[in-house]
Amino acid sequence: LRELLAAGVPAIAEGNFVPGRTTVFDGLPPARIVQVHLTAPPDVLRARLHTRDESRHPVHYDRVAAAEIFERAAAGEWDALPLEGELIAVNTTEWPDLPALVETVAAAVSAAGGG
């Protein structure tokens, strides 16, 4: 990420970043940031994990992790990161209108100078 931004290349960083513990964004070269944060209430997340297809790849141990994910989400472990720039917060309790979300993100990225 650091090398791409230093070279003036737009970049996307995706993951389960934890405020206060994630260091990948520390000391980055100057950049305009658009953060898209997807979330849902902990009980919704837990219910989704319990209802997922059991034939998914074994690395997805959703039912086993449901209680832990509920607790971590309830504790705010995956809240939006405290980054400079624009935050687009998306509550996925009701699945968002994806074309509208894409337009919102594209407009924010364009306004931020990302093309």
Protein backbone atom coordinates (compact mmCIF):
# COMPACT_ATOMS: atom_id res chain seq x y z
CA LEU A 1 0.00 0.00 0.00
CA ARG A 2 2.76 2.38 0.98
CA GLU A 3 4.69 1.80 -2.27
CA LEU A 4 1.61 2.23 -4.44
CA LEU A 5 0.59 5.49 -2.81
CA ALA A 6 4.15 6.82 -2.92
CA ALA A 7 4.10 6.17 -6.68
CA GLY A 8 0.78 8.02 -7.03
CA VAL A 9 -1.15 4.85 -7.82
CA PRO A 10 -4.73 4.55 -6.52
CA ALA A 11 -5.11 1.55 -4.21
CA ILE A 12 -7.75 -0.45 -2.39
CA ALA A 13 -7.12 -2.05 0.99
CA GLU A 14 -9.74 -4.56 2.12
CA GLY A 15 -9.89 -6.50 5.35
CA ASN A 16 -11.16 -6.82 8.89
CA PHE A 17 -9.18 -3.88 10.21
CA VAL A 18 -9.32 -3.21 13.96
CA PRO A 19 -9.22 0.40 15.19
CA GLY A 20 -6.29 0.92 17.53
CA ARG A 21 -4.54 -2.27 16.40
CA THR A 22 -4.31 -1.90 12.63
CA THR A 23 -1.02 -0.27 11.66
CA VAL A 24 -1.10 -0.67 7.86
CA PHE A 25 -2.34 2.92 7.50
CA ASP A 26 0.26 4.47 9.82
CA GLY A 27 2.83 6.72 8.15
CA LEU A 28 1.39 6.49 4.66
CA PRO A 29 2.37 9.05 2.04
CA PRO A 30 -0.17 11.84 1.58
CA ALA A 31 -3.31 10.45 -0.02
CA ARG A 32 -7.00 11.19 -0.21
CA ILE A 33 -8.89 8.41 1.52
CA VAL A 34 -12.39 7.11 0.93
CA GLN A 35 -13.28 4.49 3.53
CA VAL A 36 -16.26 2.25 2.86
CA HIS A 37 -17.30 0.58 6.10
CA LEU A 38 -19.85 -2.25 5.90
CA THR A 39 -21.51 -3.30 9.12
CA ALA A 40 -24.63 -4.77 10.69
CA PRO A 41 -25.76 -5.17 14.28
CA PRO A 42 -24.05 -8.08 16.08
CA ASP A 43 -27.27 -10.13 16.29
CA VAL A 44 -27.75 -9.83 12.51
CA LEU A 45 -24.17 -10.95 11.90
CA ARG A 46 -24.61 -13.94 14.20
CA ALA A 47 -27.87 -14.96 12.50
CA ARG A 48 -26.23 -14.75 9.08
CA LEU A 49 -23.37 -16.97 10.19
CA HIS A 50 -25.79 -19.58 11.53
CA THR A 51 -27.79 -19.67 8.28
CA ARG A 52 -24.92 -19.84 5.77
CA ASP A 53 -24.61 -22.81 3.46
CA GLU A 54 -22.70 -25.61 5.21
CA SER A 55 -21.15 -26.73 1.92
CA ARG A 56 -18.91 -23.67 1.76
CA HIS A 57 -15.15 -24.25 1.78
CA PRO A 58 -14.00 -25.59 5.19
CA VAL A 59 -11.98 -22.44 5.85
CA HIS A 60 -15.35 -20.73 6.43
CA TYR A 61 -16.22 -22.06 9.88
CA ASP A 62 -19.15 -19.66 10.24
CA ARG A 63 -21.25 -21.49 12.82
CA VAL A 64 -18.25 -22.18 15.06
CA ALA A 65 -17.18 -18.52 14.97
CA ALA A 66 -20.66 -16.99 15.32
CA ALA A 67 -20.51 -16.39 19.09
CA GLU A 68 -17.00 -14.92 18.93
CA ILE A 69 -17.91 -12.65 16.03
CA PHE A 70 -21.03 -11.50 17.88
CA GLU A 71 -18.95 -10.59 20.95
CA ARG A 72 -16.20 -8.85 18.96
CA ALA A 73 -18.70 -6.86 16.89
CA ALA A 74 -20.65 -5.89 20.02
CA ALA A 75 -17.39 -4.64 21.55
CA GLY A 76 -16.83 -2.37 18.52
CA GLU A 77 -13.79 -4.26 17.34
CA TRP A 78 -14.62 -3.69 13.68
CA ASP A 79 -15.85 -0.11 13.84
CA ALA A 80 -14.78 2.30 11.11
CA LEU A 81 -11.12 3.29 11.29
CA PRO A 82 -10.19 6.78 12.53
CA LEU A 83 -8.75 7.87 9.18
CA GLU A 84 -8.64 11.30 7.58
CA GLY A 85 -10.88 11.43 4.54
CA GLU A 86 -14.41 10.50 3.62
CA LEU A 87 -16.30 7.72 5.40
CA ILE A 88 -19.14 5.95 3.63
CA ALA A 89 -20.89 3.90 6.31
CA VAL A 90 -23.17 1.13 5.04
CA ASN A 91 -25.46 -0.75 7.40
CA THR A 92 -26.19 -4.07 5.72
CA THR A 93 -29.08 -5.14 7.96
CA GLU A 94 -31.14 -4.59 4.83
CA TRP A 95 -28.97 -5.41 1.82
CA PRO A 96 -27.99 -2.11 0.17
CA ASP A 97 -28.93 -1.01 -3.31
CA LEU A 98 -25.62 -2.03 -4.90
CA PRO A 99 -25.85 0.16 -8.03
CA ALA A 100 -26.58 3.19 -5.82
CA LEU A 101 -23.70 2.27 -3.50
CA VAL A 102 -21.34 1.91 -6.46
CA GLU A 103 -22.39 5.37 -7.66
CA THR A 104 -21.80 6.84 -4.19
CA VAL A 105 -18.35 5.28 -3.91
CA ALA A 106 -17.41 6.24 -7.48
CA ALA A 107 -18.44 9.85 -6.85
CA ALA A 108 -16.44 9.96 -3.61
CA VAL A 109 -13.36 8.47 -5.25
CA SER A 110 -13.67 10.87 -8.17
CA ALA A 111 -14.03 13.85 -5.80
CA ALA A 112 -11.01 12.61 -3.87
CA GLY A 113 -8.95 12.69 -7.05
CA GLY A 114 -8.85 8.95 -7.58
CA GLY A 115 -10.21 8.91 -11.08
